[in-house]
Amino acid sequence: MRIDAHQHFWKYHPSEYDWMTEEMPQLRRDYLPDDLKPLLANAGFDGTITVQARQKLVETRWLLELADQHDFIRGIVGWVDLRNPRVRVQLEEFAGNPKLCGVRHVVHDEPDDEFVLREDFQRGIGELANFNLTYDLLTYTVHLPPSLKLVDRFPNQPFVIDHISKPLIQTKRLSPWKEHMQEIAQRDNVMCKLSGMVTETTWREWQPEDFTAYMDVCLEAFGPDRLMIGSDWPVCRLSGDYVDVMNIVTSYVSKLSTEEQDKILGGTCAKFYGVKI
């Protein structure tokens, strides 16, 4: 089974998605399961993991409703307020739904680069194991050193780095991103998504080889057992169409064994998020 490990749905409203600027007209419309399903089929993928796009409990409720209505949505990475002293109550609301497989906070938009080291945030992270939930790390390079401290504090908590932590692909810069990724990859509880790369370079002016050096770093550091493909659709539409974006990774891993390809294109994701295949 091939699984897209990272994409979003939304019903667009300016007040709900104020990060979608006038330079992003492709995003300022509704994107729903019926829009994604044929794209998955065309790319040869069987299912998807849908990730939150709003930091509201109503987002998690809505995404779980969509997952109940569409079997190809294999899991949901939702949002709860990890800083809230009553976060356990929030998690208990969703505990009975097997489609909730993880949570995420938009860390890279926080003004404090060491946000993940806040005591209240870490208290929330500590609750996730009680509900068998993963955590998605949405970071830039500057957030990797604090994230390393976070994952060291919770060695039994499964983490995954979204979008290879958004390195400066447009400038072809590798360091210090490379060294930080190599270090955090030494922690066995950390995975990485090969996703979100096309929006970190000049939109729609990239070539597949622009991403090779970055995927080389990730493959060497994490190995196929801890890498998973993701589209970041529909955000990826700013810089590329669904099939073209997915082909960046599928073409890159074609040099690997069939077993290793199967892991990156679905197996790692299914194991990490607890998806039945």
C-alpha atoms as a PDB file:
ATOM      1  CA  MET A   1       0.000   0.000   0.000  1.00  0.00           C
ATOM      2  CA  ARG A   2       1.241   3.467  -0.916  1.00  0.00           C
ATOM      3  CA  ILE A   3       0.316   6.270   1.466  1.00  0.00           C
ATOM      4  CA  ASP A   4       0.720  10.029   1.151  1.00  0.00           C
ATOM      5  CA  ALA A   5       1.966  10.855   4.652  1.00  0.00           C
ATOM      6  CA  HIS A   6       1.095  14.548   4.612  1.00  0.00           C
ATOM      7  CA  GLN A   7      -1.691  16.631   3.084  1.00  0.00           C
ATOM      8  CA  HIS A   8      -4.456  19.038   4.164  1.00  0.00           C
ATOM      9  CA  PHE A   9      -8.125  19.838   3.657  1.00  0.00           C
ATOM     10  CA  TRP A  10      -9.890  23.130   4.263  1.00  0.00           C
ATOM     11  CA  LYS A  11     -12.961  25.206   3.546  1.00  0.00           C
ATOM     12  CA  TYR A  12     -11.409  28.518   2.744  1.00  0.00           C
ATOM     13  CA  HIS A  13     -12.275  31.682   4.653  1.00  0.00           C
ATOM     14  CA  PRO A  14      -9.840  34.628   4.951  1.00  0.00           C
ATOM     15  CA  SER A  15     -10.215  34.927   8.714  1.00  0.00           C
ATOM     16  CA  GLU A  16      -9.461  31.221   9.217  1.00  0.00           C
ATOM     17  CA  TYR A  17      -6.409  31.081   6.946  1.00  0.00           C
ATOM     18  CA  ASP A  18      -4.802  34.502   7.153  1.00  0.00           C
ATOM     19  CA  TRP A  19      -1.415  33.014   6.212  1.00  0.00           C
ATOM     20  CA  MET A  20      -2.712  32.545   2.669  1.00  0.00           C
ATOM     21  CA  THR A  21      -1.645  35.862   1.172  1.00  0.00           C
ATOM     22  CA  GLU A  22      -2.637  37.441  -2.134  1.00  0.00           C
ATOM     23  CA  GLU A  23       0.475  35.825  -3.612  1.00  0.00           C
ATOM     24  CA  MET A  24      -1.185  32.435  -3.025  1.00  0.00           C
ATOM     25  CA  PRO A  25      -4.365  32.539  -5.145  1.00  0.00           C
ATOM     26  CA  GLN A  26      -4.122  28.791  -5.823  1.00  0.00           C
ATOM     27  CA  LEU A  27      -4.810  28.091  -2.153  1.00  0.00           C
ATOM     28  CA  ARG A  28      -7.683  30.491  -1.549  1.00  0.00           C
ATOM     29  CA  ARG A  29     -10.502  28.059  -2.303  1.00  0.00           C
ATOM     30  CA  ASP A  30     -11.963  24.907  -0.781  1.00  0.00           C
ATOM     31  CA  TYR A  31      -9.925  21.688  -0.893  1.00  0.00           C
ATOM     32  CA  LEU A  32     -11.865  18.600   0.115  1.00  0.00           C
ATOM     33  CA  PRO A  33     -11.573  14.802  -0.161  1.00  0.00           C
ATOM     34  CA  ASP A  34     -13.299  14.617  -3.551  1.00  0.00           C
ATOM     35  CA  ASP A  35     -10.561  16.898  -4.918  1.00  0.00           C
ATOM     36  CA  LEU A  36      -7.750  14.686  -3.648  1.00  0.00           C
ATOM     37  CA  LYS A  37      -9.102  11.212  -4.393  1.00  0.00           C
ATOM     38  CA  PRO A  38      -8.495  11.252  -8.186  1.00  0.00           C
ATOM     39  CA  LEU A  39      -5.029  12.748  -7.659  1.00  0.00           C
ATOM     40  CA  LEU A  40      -4.080   9.880  -5.370  1.00  0.00           C
ATOM     41  CA  ALA A  41      -5.305   7.379  -7.932  1.00  0.00           C
ATOM     42  CA  ASN A  42      -3.406   9.053 -10.781  1.00  0.00           C
ATOM     43  CA  ALA A  43      -0.210   8.966  -8.742  1.00  0.00           C
ATOM     44  CA  GLY A  44      -0.734   5.321  -7.734  1.00  0.00           C
ATOM     45  CA  PHE A  45      -1.413   5.962  -4.047  1.00  0.00           C
ATOM     46  CA  ASP A  46      -4.008   4.150  -1.962  1.00  0.00           C
ATOM     47  CA  GLY A  47      -4.496   6.420   1.027  1.00  0.00           C
ATOM     48  CA  THR A  48      -3.452   9.520   2.876  1.00  0.00           C
ATOM     49  CA  ILE A  49      -2.691  11.017   6.267  1.00  0.00           C
ATOM     50  CA  THR A  50      -4.503  14.330   6.675  1.00  0.00           C
ATOM     51  CA  VAL A  51      -2.780  16.948   8.822  1.00  0.00           C
ATOM     52  CA  GLN A  52      -4.343  19.892  10.644  1.00  0.00           C
ATOM     53  CA  ALA A  53      -4.210  23.350   9.052  1.00  0.00           C
ATOM     54  CA  ARG A  54      -5.912  25.305  11.871  1.00  0.00           C
ATOM     55  CA  GLN A  55      -5.010  25.401  15.547  1.00  0.00           C
ATOM     56  CA  LYS A  56      -8.510  24.821  16.837  1.00  0.00           C
ATOM     57  CA  LEU A  57     -10.257  21.846  18.384  1.00  0.00           C
ATOM     58  CA  VAL A  58     -13.022  22.232  15.806  1.00  0.00           C
ATOM     59  CA  GLU A  59     -10.396  21.416  13.156  1.00  0.00           C
ATOM     60  CA  THR A  60      -9.681  18.038  14.725  1.00  0.00           C
ATOM     61  CA  ARG A  61     -13.390  17.268  15.030  1.00  0.00           C
ATOM     62  CA  TRP A  62     -14.008  18.212  11.391  1.00  0.00           C
ATOM     63  CA  LEU A  63     -11.091  16.184  10.034  1.00  0.00           C
ATOM     64  CA  LEU A  64     -12.214  13.117  11.976  1.00  0.00           C
ATOM     65  CA  GLU A  65     -15.679  13.514  10.473  1.00  0.00           C
ATOM     66  CA  LEU A  66     -14.125  13.575   6.994  1.00  0.00           C
ATOM     67  CA  ALA A  67     -12.087  10.473   7.816  1.00  0.00           C
ATOM     68  CA  ASP A  68     -15.226   8.640   8.909  1.00  0.00           C
ATOM     69  CA  GLN A  69     -16.802   9.476   5.552  1.00  0.00           C
ATOM     70  CA  HIS A  70     -13.835   8.574   3.334  1.00  0.00           C
ATOM     71  CA  ASP A  71     -11.954   5.302   3.760  1.00  0.00           C
ATOM     72  CA  PHE A  72      -8.893   6.501   1.833  1.00  0.00           C
ATOM     73  CA  ILE A  73      -8.191   8.953   4.682  1.00  0.00           C
ATOM     74  CA  ARG A  74      -6.190   6.463   6.736  1.00  0.00           C
ATOM     75  CA  GLY A  75      -5.401   8.747   9.637  1.00  0.00           C
ATOM     76  CA  ILE A  76      -5.631  12.251  11.062  1.00  0.00           C
ATOM     77  CA  VAL A  77      -2.920  14.388  12.641  1.00  0.00           C
ATOM     78  CA  GLY A  78      -5.040  16.840  14.575  1.00  0.00           C
ATOM     79  CA  TRP A  79      -4.511  19.684  16.987  1.00  0.00           C
ATOM     80  CA  VAL A  80      -5.068  20.013  20.715  1.00  0.00           C
ATOM     81  CA  ASP A  81      -3.804  22.763  22.972  1.00  0.00           C
ATOM     82  CA  LEU A  82      -0.750  21.048  24.407  1.00  0.00           C
ATOM     83  CA  ARG A  83      -0.122  24.066  26.668  1.00  0.00           C
ATOM     84  CA  ASN A  84      -3.522  23.791  28.322  1.00  0.00           C
ATOM     85  CA  PRO A  85      -3.482  22.287  31.844  1.00  0.00           C
ATOM     86  CA  ARG A  86      -6.620  20.377  30.800  1.00  0.00           C
ATOM     87  CA  VAL A  87      -5.097  18.923  27.637  1.00  0.00           C
ATOM     88  CA  ARG A  88      -5.850  15.419  28.907  1.00  0.00           C
ATOM     89  CA  VAL A  89      -9.561  16.248  28.785  1.00  0.00           C
ATOM     90  CA  GLN A  90      -9.176  17.421  25.195  1.00  0.00           C
ATOM     91  CA  LEU A  91      -7.386  14.207  24.269  1.00  0.00           C
ATOM     92  CA  GLU A  92     -10.011  12.088  26.001  1.00  0.00           C
ATOM     93  CA  GLU A  93     -12.651  13.566  23.697  1.00  0.00           C
ATOM     94  CA  PHE A  94     -10.938  11.940  20.715  1.00  0.00           C
ATOM     95  CA  ALA A  95      -9.538   8.843  22.387  1.00  0.00           C
ATOM     96  CA  GLY A  96     -12.228   6.538  21.027  1.00  0.00           C
ATOM     97  CA  ASN A  97     -11.606   7.397  17.377  1.00  0.00           C
ATOM     98  CA  PRO A  98      -8.975   5.105  15.825  1.00  0.00           C
ATOM     99  CA  LYS A  99      -8.418   7.529  12.937  1.00  0.00           C
ATOM    100  CA  LEU A 100      -6.708  10.056  15.239  1.00  0.00           C
ATOM    101  CA  CYS A 101      -3.101   8.949  15.038  1.00  0.00           C
ATOM    102  CA  GLY A 102      -1.186  12.062  16.073  1.00  0.00           C
ATOM    103  CA  VAL A 103      -1.170  15.766  16.837  1.00  0.00           C
ATOM    104  CA  ARG A 104       0.764  18.790  15.617  1.00  0.00           C
ATOM    105  CA  HIS A 105       1.427  22.385  16.631  1.00  0.00           C
ATOM    106  CA  VAL A 106       2.635  25.026  14.143  1.00  0.00           C
ATOM    107  CA  VAL A 107       5.914  25.520  15.966  1.00  0.00           C
ATOM    108  CA  HIS A 108       7.680  27.390  13.162  1.00  0.00           C
ATOM    109  CA  ASP A 109       5.205  30.276  13.474  1.00  0.00           C
ATOM    110  CA  GLU A 110       5.856  30.778  17.185  1.00  0.00           C
ATOM    111  CA  PRO A 111       7.974  33.891  17.968  1.00  0.00           C
ATOM    112  CA  ASP A 112      10.035  31.922  20.483  1.00  0.00           C
ATOM    113  CA  ASP A 113      12.527  29.693  18.654  1.00  0.00           C
ATOM    114  CA  GLU A 114      12.692  27.508  21.778  1.00  0.00           C
ATOM    115  CA  PHE A 115       8.932  27.133  22.069  1.00  0.00           C
ATOM    116  CA  VAL A 116       9.169  23.331  22.265  1.00  0.00           C
ATOM    117  CA  LEU A 117      11.147  23.655  25.510  1.00  0.00           C
ATOM    118  CA  ARG A 118       8.359  25.487  27.335  1.00  0.00           C
ATOM    119  CA  GLU A 119       7.336  23.630  30.453  1.00  0.00           C
ATOM    120  CA  ASP A 120       3.622  23.775  29.641  1.00  0.00           C
ATOM    121  CA  PHE A 121       4.203  22.500  26.086  1.00  0.00           C
ATOM    122  CA  GLN A 122       6.359  19.626  27.284  1.00  0.00           C
ATOM    123  CA  ARG A 123       3.751  18.699  29.855  1.00  0.00           C
ATOM    124  CA  GLY A 124       1.326  18.292  26.950  1.00  0.00           C
ATOM    125  CA  ILE A 125       3.807  16.211  24.956  1.00  0.00           C
ATOM    126  CA  GLY A 126       4.083  13.972  28.004  1.00  0.00           C
ATOM    127  CA  GLU A 127       0.361  13.199  27.787  1.00  0.00           C
ATOM    128  CA  LEU A 128       0.513  11.821  24.236  1.00  0.00           C
ATOM    129  CA  ALA A 129       1.905   8.432  25.218  1.00  0.00           C
ATOM    130  CA  ASN A 130      -1.187   7.825  27.365  1.00  0.00           C
ATOM    131  CA  PHE A 131      -3.252   7.933  24.158  1.00  0.00           C
ATOM    132  CA  ASN A 132      -0.771   6.205  21.816  1.00  0.00           C
ATOM    133  CA  LEU A 133      -0.393   9.355  19.704  1.00  0.00           C
ATOM    134  CA  THR A 134       2.526  10.520  17.586  1.00  0.00           C
ATOM    135  CA  TYR A 135       3.765  14.100  17.286  1.00  0.00           C
ATOM    136  CA  ASP A 136       4.628  15.994  14.070  1.00  0.00           C
ATOM    137  CA  LEU A 137       7.499  18.485  14.379  1.00  0.00           C
ATOM    138  CA  LEU A 138       6.861  21.439  12.037  1.00  0.00           C
ATOM    139  CA  THR A 139      10.157  23.310  12.135  1.00  0.00           C
ATOM    140  CA  TYR A 140      12.776  25.371  10.376  1.00  0.00           C
ATOM    141  CA  THR A 141      16.482  24.668  10.783  1.00  0.00           C
ATOM    142  CA  VAL A 142      16.707  27.048  13.755  1.00  0.00           C
ATOM    143  CA  HIS A 143      14.233  24.880  15.658  1.00  0.00           C
ATOM    144  CA  LEU A 144      16.203  21.641  15.289  1.00  0.00           C
ATOM    145  CA  PRO A 145      18.548  22.121  18.286  1.00  0.00           C
ATOM    146  CA  PRO A 146      15.616  22.774  20.679  1.00  0.00           C
ATOM    147  CA  SER A 147      13.736  19.874  19.078  1.00  0.00           C
ATOM    148  CA  LEU A 148      16.693  17.610  19.792  1.00  0.00           C
ATOM    149  CA  LYS A 149      16.402  18.490  23.479  1.00  0.00           C
ATOM    150  CA  LEU A 150      12.670  17.772  23.305  1.00  0.00           C
ATOM    151  CA  VAL A 151      13.041  14.304  21.775  1.00  0.00           C
ATOM    152  CA  ASP A 152      15.813  13.473  24.242  1.00  0.00           C
ATOM    153  CA  ARG A 153      13.461  14.274  27.090  1.00  0.00           C
ATOM    154  CA  PHE A 154      10.804  11.934  25.638  1.00  0.00           C
ATOM    155  CA  PRO A 155      12.791   8.988  24.200  1.00  0.00           C
ATOM    156  CA  ASN A 156       9.711   6.753  24.000  1.00  0.00           C
ATOM    157  CA  GLN A 157       7.519   9.310  22.216  1.00  0.00           C
ATOM    158  CA  PRO A 158       7.345   8.846  18.417  1.00  0.00           C
ATOM    159  CA  PHE A 159       8.208  12.059  16.538  1.00  0.00           C
ATOM    160  CA  VAL A 160       8.313  12.862  12.827  1.00  0.00           C
ATOM    161  CA  ILE A 161       9.948  15.900  11.219  1.00  0.00           C
ATOM    162  CA  ASP A 162       7.642  17.489   8.656  1.00  0.00           C
ATOM    163  CA  HIS A 163       9.012  18.731   5.305  1.00  0.00           C
ATOM    164  CA  ILE A 164      12.609  17.743   6.143  1.00  0.00           C
ATOM    165  CA  SER A 165      12.573  20.822   8.429  1.00  0.00           C
ATOM    166  CA  LYS A 166      12.408  23.245   5.486  1.00  0.00           C
ATOM    167  CA  PRO A 167      16.065  23.792   4.558  1.00  0.00           C
ATOM    168  CA  LEU A 168      17.152  26.693   2.344  1.00  0.00           C
ATOM    169  CA  ILE A 169      16.831  24.816  -0.943  1.00  0.00           C
ATOM    170  CA  GLN A 170      16.470  28.005  -2.970  1.00  0.00           C
ATOM    171  CA  THR A 171      20.016  29.040  -2.032  1.00  0.00           C
ATOM    172  CA  LYS A 172      21.353  25.454  -2.288  1.00  0.00           C
ATOM    173  CA  ARG A 173      22.578  25.746   1.289  1.00  0.00           C
ATOM    174  CA  LEU A 174      23.090  22.546   3.276  1.00  0.00           C
ATOM    175  CA  SER A 175      24.727  23.631   6.539  1.00  0.00           C
ATOM    176  CA  PRO A 176      23.871  23.884   9.383  1.00  0.00           C
ATOM    177  CA  TRP A 177      20.650  22.040   8.442  1.00  0.00           C
ATOM    178  CA  LYS A 178      22.610  18.956   7.381  1.00  0.00           C
ATOM    179  CA  GLU A 179      24.493  18.620  10.652  1.00  0.00           C
ATOM    180  CA  HIS A 180      21.386  19.193  12.781  1.00  0.00           C
ATOM    181  CA  MET A 181      19.452  16.559  10.815  1.00  0.00           C
ATOM    182  CA  GLN A 182      22.289  14.068  11.135  1.00  0.00           C
ATOM    183  CA  GLU A 183      22.317  14.571  14.891  1.00  0.00           C
ATOM    184  CA  ILE A 184      18.578  14.325  15.493  1.00  0.00           C
ATOM    185  CA  ALA A 185      18.429  11.247  13.234  1.00  0.00           C
ATOM    186  CA  GLN A 186      20.592   9.429  15.753  1.00  0.00           C
ATOM    187  CA  ARG A 187      17.477   9.238  17.950  1.00  0.00           C
ATOM    188  CA  ASP A 188      15.542   6.128  16.989  1.00  0.00           C
ATOM    189  CA  ASN A 189      12.196   7.673  17.948  1.00  0.00           C
ATOM    190  CA  VAL A 190      12.460  10.352  15.223  1.00  0.00           C
ATOM    191  CA  MET A 191      11.212   9.864  11.657  1.00  0.00           C
ATOM    192  CA  CYS A 192      11.261  12.276   8.697  1.00  0.00           C
ATOM    193  CA  LYS A 193       8.834  13.194   5.910  1.00  0.00           C
ATOM    194  CA  LEU A 194      10.191  13.733   2.408  1.00  0.00           C
ATOM    195  CA  SER A 195       7.647  16.458   1.787  1.00  0.00           C
ATOM    196  CA  GLY A 196       7.214  20.208   1.449  1.00  0.00           C
ATOM    197  CA  MET A 197      10.389  20.697  -0.581  1.00  0.00           C
ATOM    198  CA  VAL A 198       8.978  22.434  -3.668  1.00  0.00           C
ATOM    199  CA  THR A 199       7.785  25.449  -1.685  1.00  0.00           C
ATOM    200  CA  GLU A 200      11.282  26.001  -0.263  1.00  0.00           C
ATOM    201  CA  THR A 201      12.701  26.926  -3.676  1.00  0.00           C
ATOM    202  CA  THR A 202      11.655  29.290  -6.466  1.00  0.00           C
ATOM    203  CA  TRP A 203       8.049  28.388  -7.121  1.00  0.00           C
ATOM    204  CA  ARG A 204       7.500  26.413 -10.327  1.00  0.00           C
ATOM    205  CA  GLU A 205      11.081  27.032 -11.482  1.00  0.00           C
ATOM    206  CA  TRP A 206      12.656  23.962  -9.896  1.00  0.00           C
ATOM    207  CA  GLN A 207      14.150  20.824 -11.381  1.00  0.00           C
ATOM    208  CA  PRO A 208      13.988  17.404  -9.656  1.00  0.00           C
ATOM    209  CA  GLU A 209      17.762  17.395  -9.159  1.00  0.00           C
ATOM    210  CA  ASP A 210      17.461  20.535  -6.993  1.00  0.00           C
ATOM    211  CA  PHE A 211      16.308  18.276  -4.159  1.00  0.00           C
ATOM    212  CA  THR A 212      18.750  15.383  -4.563  1.00  0.00           C
ATOM    213  CA  ALA A 213      21.405  16.613  -2.121  1.00  0.00           C
ATOM    214  CA  TYR A 214      18.765  17.158   0.573  1.00  0.00           C
ATOM    215  CA  MET A 215      17.201  13.746   0.086  1.00  0.00           C
ATOM    216  CA  ASP A 216      20.677  12.217   0.107  1.00  0.00           C
ATOM    217  CA  VAL A 217      21.236  13.682   3.578  1.00  0.00           C
ATOM    218  CA  CYS A 218      17.899  12.359   4.813  1.00  0.00           C
ATOM    219  CA  LEU A 219      18.358   8.889   3.343  1.00  0.00           C
ATOM    220  CA  GLU A 220      21.841   8.509   4.787  1.00  0.00           C
ATOM    221  CA  ALA A 221      20.796   9.849   8.189  1.00  0.00           C
ATOM    222  CA  PHE A 222      17.413   8.159   8.675  1.00  0.00           C
ATOM    223  CA  GLY A 223      17.431   5.221   6.271  1.00  0.00           C
ATOM    224  CA  PRO A 224      14.293   3.907   4.505  1.00  0.00           C
ATOM    225  CA  ASP A 225      12.912   2.537   7.798  1.00  0.00           C
ATOM    226  CA  ARG A 226      12.356   6.088   9.045  1.00  0.00           C
ATOM    227  CA  LEU A 227      11.466   8.038   5.898  1.00  0.00           C
ATOM    228  CA  MET A 228       8.018   8.591   4.404  1.00  0.00           C
ATOM    229  CA  ILE A 229       6.752  10.389   1.300  1.00  0.00           C
ATOM    230  CA  GLY A 230       4.327  13.305   1.594  1.00  0.00           C
ATOM    231  CA  SER A 231       2.809  15.718  -0.906  1.00  0.00           C
ATOM    232  CA  ASP A 232       1.887  18.681   1.308  1.00  0.00           C
ATOM    233  CA  TRP A 233      -1.079  19.071  -1.043  1.00  0.00           C
ATOM    234  CA  PRO A 234      -2.694  21.515  -1.660  1.00  0.00           C
ATOM    235  CA  VAL A 235       0.076  23.813  -0.369  1.00  0.00           C
ATOM    236  CA  CYS A 236       2.394  22.187  -2.923  1.00  0.00           C
ATOM    237  CA  ARG A 237       0.223  23.659  -5.700  1.00  0.00           C
ATOM    238  CA  LEU A 238       2.057  26.935  -5.171  1.00  0.00           C
ATOM    239  CA  SER A 239       5.045  25.323  -6.849  1.00  0.00           C
ATOM    240  CA  GLY A 240       3.986  22.084  -8.516  1.00  0.00           C
ATOM    241  CA  ASP A 241       1.158  19.722  -9.412  1.00  0.00           C
ATOM    242  CA  TYR A 242       0.434  16.684  -7.265  1.00  0.00           C
ATOM    243  CA  VAL A 243       1.885  13.996  -9.529  1.00  0.00           C
ATOM    244  CA  ASP A 244       5.007  16.039 -10.318  1.00  0.00           C
ATOM    245  CA  VAL A 245       5.650  16.661  -6.621  1.00  0.00           C
ATOM    246  CA  MET A 246       5.223  13.016  -5.700  1.00  0.00           C
ATOM    247  CA  ASN A 247       7.440  11.989  -8.609  1.00  0.00           C
ATOM    248  CA  ILE A 248      10.353  13.869  -7.047  1.00  0.00           C
ATOM    249  CA  VAL A 249      10.493  11.243  -4.307  1.00  0.00           C
ATOM    250  CA  THR A 250       9.279   8.202  -6.242  1.00  0.00           C
ATOM    251  CA  SER A 251      11.915   8.791  -8.918  1.00  0.00           C
ATOM    252  CA  TYR A 252      14.620   9.370  -6.328  1.00  0.00           C
ATOM    253  CA  VAL A 253      13.913   6.128  -4.454  1.00  0.00           C
ATOM    254  CA  SER A 254      13.688   4.065  -7.644  1.00  0.00           C
ATOM    255  CA  LYS A 255      17.412   3.308  -7.210  1.00  0.00           C
ATOM    256  CA  LEU A 256      16.639   1.452  -3.975  1.00  0.00           C
ATOM    257  CA  SER A 257      15.460  -2.124  -3.517  1.00  0.00           C
ATOM    258  CA  THR A 258      11.757  -2.880  -3.830  1.00  0.00           C
ATOM    259  CA  GLU A 259      11.572  -3.455  -0.085  1.00  0.00           C
ATOM    260  CA  GLU A 260      13.184  -0.109   0.679  1.00  0.00           C
ATOM    261  CA  GLN A 261      10.912   1.690  -1.782  1.00  0.00           C
ATOM    262  CA  ASP A 262       7.858   0.091  -0.198  1.00  0.00           C
ATOM    263  CA  LYS A 263       8.899   1.435   3.190  1.00  0.00           C
ATOM    264  CA  ILE A 264       9.384   5.027   2.048  1.00  0.00           C
ATOM    265  CA  LEU A 265       6.257   5.026  -0.126  1.00  0.00           C
ATOM    266  CA  GLY A 266       3.908   3.643   2.514  1.00  0.00           C
ATOM    267  CA  GLY A 267       5.283   1.089   4.933  1.00  0.00           C
ATOM    268  CA  THR A 268       7.100   3.505   7.246  1.00  0.00           C
ATOM    269  CA  CYS A 269       4.070   5.785   7.370  1.00  0.00           C
ATOM    270  CA  ALA A 270       1.707   2.901   8.149  1.00  0.00           C
ATOM    271  CA  LYS A 271       3.935   1.629  10.939  1.00  0.00           C
ATOM    272  CA  PHE A 272       4.527   5.067  12.450  1.00  0.00           C
ATOM    273  CA  TYR A 273       0.896   6.151  12.468  1.00  0.00           C
ATOM    274  CA  GLY A 274      -0.550   2.706  13.203  1.00  0.00           C
ATOM    275  CA  VAL A 275      -2.412   2.457   9.898  1.00  0.00           C
ATOM    276  CA  LYS A 276      -3.836  -0.934   9.010  1.00  0.00           C
ATOM    277  CA  ILE A 277      -2.736  -2.192   5.585  1.00  0.00           C
END
